[in-house]
Amino acid sequence: MPLAELKNAPKVIGTKQVKKAIAKGNARKVYIACDAEPHITEPIKAACLEKNIEIEMVESMEILGHTCGIDVGSAAVAIINE
């Protein structure tokens, strides 16, 4: 399961933090929830494409948040370089 790598990997959670990680060049892979609002996710997708960062789509914000160990959903999560 591709989400398994999120459990112990260094990561940032949430769209603002993911955008910062992408801009700084720290993001290795970005997970985006399919049910998140497009106006939130499209700029992240565009930034990933521009910086050549792998994108993994996840079924829901709830699953993404739960996988990261938080009690709320998350629209985006990035695995970062340490």
Protein backbone atom coordinates (compact mmCIF):
# COMPACT_ATOMS: atom_id res chain seq x y z
CA MET A 1 0.00 0.00 0.00
CA PRO A 2 1.59 3.29 -1.08
CA LEU A 3 0.20 5.19 1.93
CA ALA A 4 2.27 3.03 4.29
CA GLU A 5 5.35 5.15 3.59
CA LEU A 6 3.60 8.15 5.18
CA LYS A 7 3.51 6.59 8.64
CA ASN A 8 7.20 6.99 9.50
CA ALA A 9 8.53 9.30 6.80
CA PRO A 10 9.38 12.92 7.60
CA LYS A 11 6.39 14.91 6.37
CA VAL A 12 4.45 18.13 6.45
CA ILE A 13 0.67 18.11 6.67
CA GLY A 14 -1.74 20.68 5.25
CA THR A 15 -1.85 22.75 2.11
CA LYS A 16 0.10 25.75 3.44
CA GLN A 17 2.95 23.60 4.71
CA VAL A 18 2.99 21.51 1.52
CA LYS A 19 3.18 24.67 -0.63
CA LYS A 20 6.10 25.92 1.47
CA ALA A 21 7.93 22.59 1.18
CA ILE A 22 7.48 22.57 -2.60
CA ALA A 23 8.68 26.18 -2.92
CA LYS A 24 11.79 25.46 -0.83
CA GLY A 25 12.54 22.32 -2.82
CA ASN A 26 12.13 20.04 0.23
CA ALA A 27 9.18 17.96 -1.02
CA ARG A 28 9.97 14.53 -2.49
CA LYS A 29 6.42 13.27 -2.98
CA VAL A 30 3.03 14.90 -2.50
CA TYR A 31 -0.22 13.16 -1.59
CA ILE A 32 -3.44 14.94 -2.54
CA ALA A 33 -6.97 13.94 -1.47
CA CYS A 34 -9.38 13.43 -4.38
CA ASP A 35 -12.30 14.91 -2.43
CA ALA A 36 -10.52 18.17 -1.56
CA GLU A 37 -11.72 21.35 -3.25
CA PRO A 38 -10.07 21.89 -6.66
CA HIS A 39 -9.25 25.54 -5.91
CA ILE A 40 -7.09 24.23 -3.05
CA THR A 41 -5.45 21.31 -4.82
CA GLU A 42 -4.88 22.68 -8.33
CA PRO A 43 -2.12 25.15 -7.31
CA ILE A 44 -0.35 22.32 -5.48
CA LYS A 45 -0.61 20.04 -8.52
CA ALA A 46 0.73 22.81 -10.77
CA ALA A 47 3.67 23.47 -8.43
CA CYS A 48 4.48 19.75 -8.34
CA LEU A 49 4.44 19.51 -12.12
CA GLU A 50 6.65 22.58 -12.40
CA LYS A 51 9.19 21.18 -9.92
CA ASN A 52 8.89 17.59 -11.21
CA ILE A 53 7.60 16.21 -7.88
CA GLU A 54 5.68 12.94 -7.83
CA ILE A 55 1.97 13.23 -7.01
CA GLU A 56 -0.07 10.42 -5.44
CA MET A 57 -3.85 10.81 -5.35
CA VAL A 58 -5.62 9.50 -2.24
CA GLU A 59 -9.30 8.58 -2.05
CA SER A 60 -10.29 11.03 0.68
CA MET A 61 -9.11 13.72 3.07
CA GLU A 62 -10.21 11.51 5.97
CA ILE A 63 -7.98 8.62 4.86
CA LEU A 64 -5.03 10.95 4.30
CA GLY A 65 -5.39 12.56 7.72
CA HIS A 66 -5.87 9.22 9.47
CA THR A 67 -2.80 7.73 7.77
CA CYS A 68 -0.75 10.67 9.06
CA GLY A 69 -2.00 10.11 12.59
CA ILE A 70 -4.21 13.18 12.90
CA ASP A 71 -7.88 13.27 13.87
CA VAL A 72 -8.99 15.53 11.03
CA GLY A 73 -8.84 15.24 7.26
CA SER A 74 -6.04 16.73 5.20
CA ALA A 75 -6.17 17.91 1.61
CA ALA A 76 -2.42 17.48 1.09
CA VAL A 77 0.65 15.91 2.67
CA ALA A 78 4.24 16.01 1.46
CA ILE A 79 7.10 13.65 2.24
CA ILE A 80 10.10 15.88 2.72
CA ASN A 81 13.85 15.56 2.63
CA GLU A 82 15.31 15.49 6.11
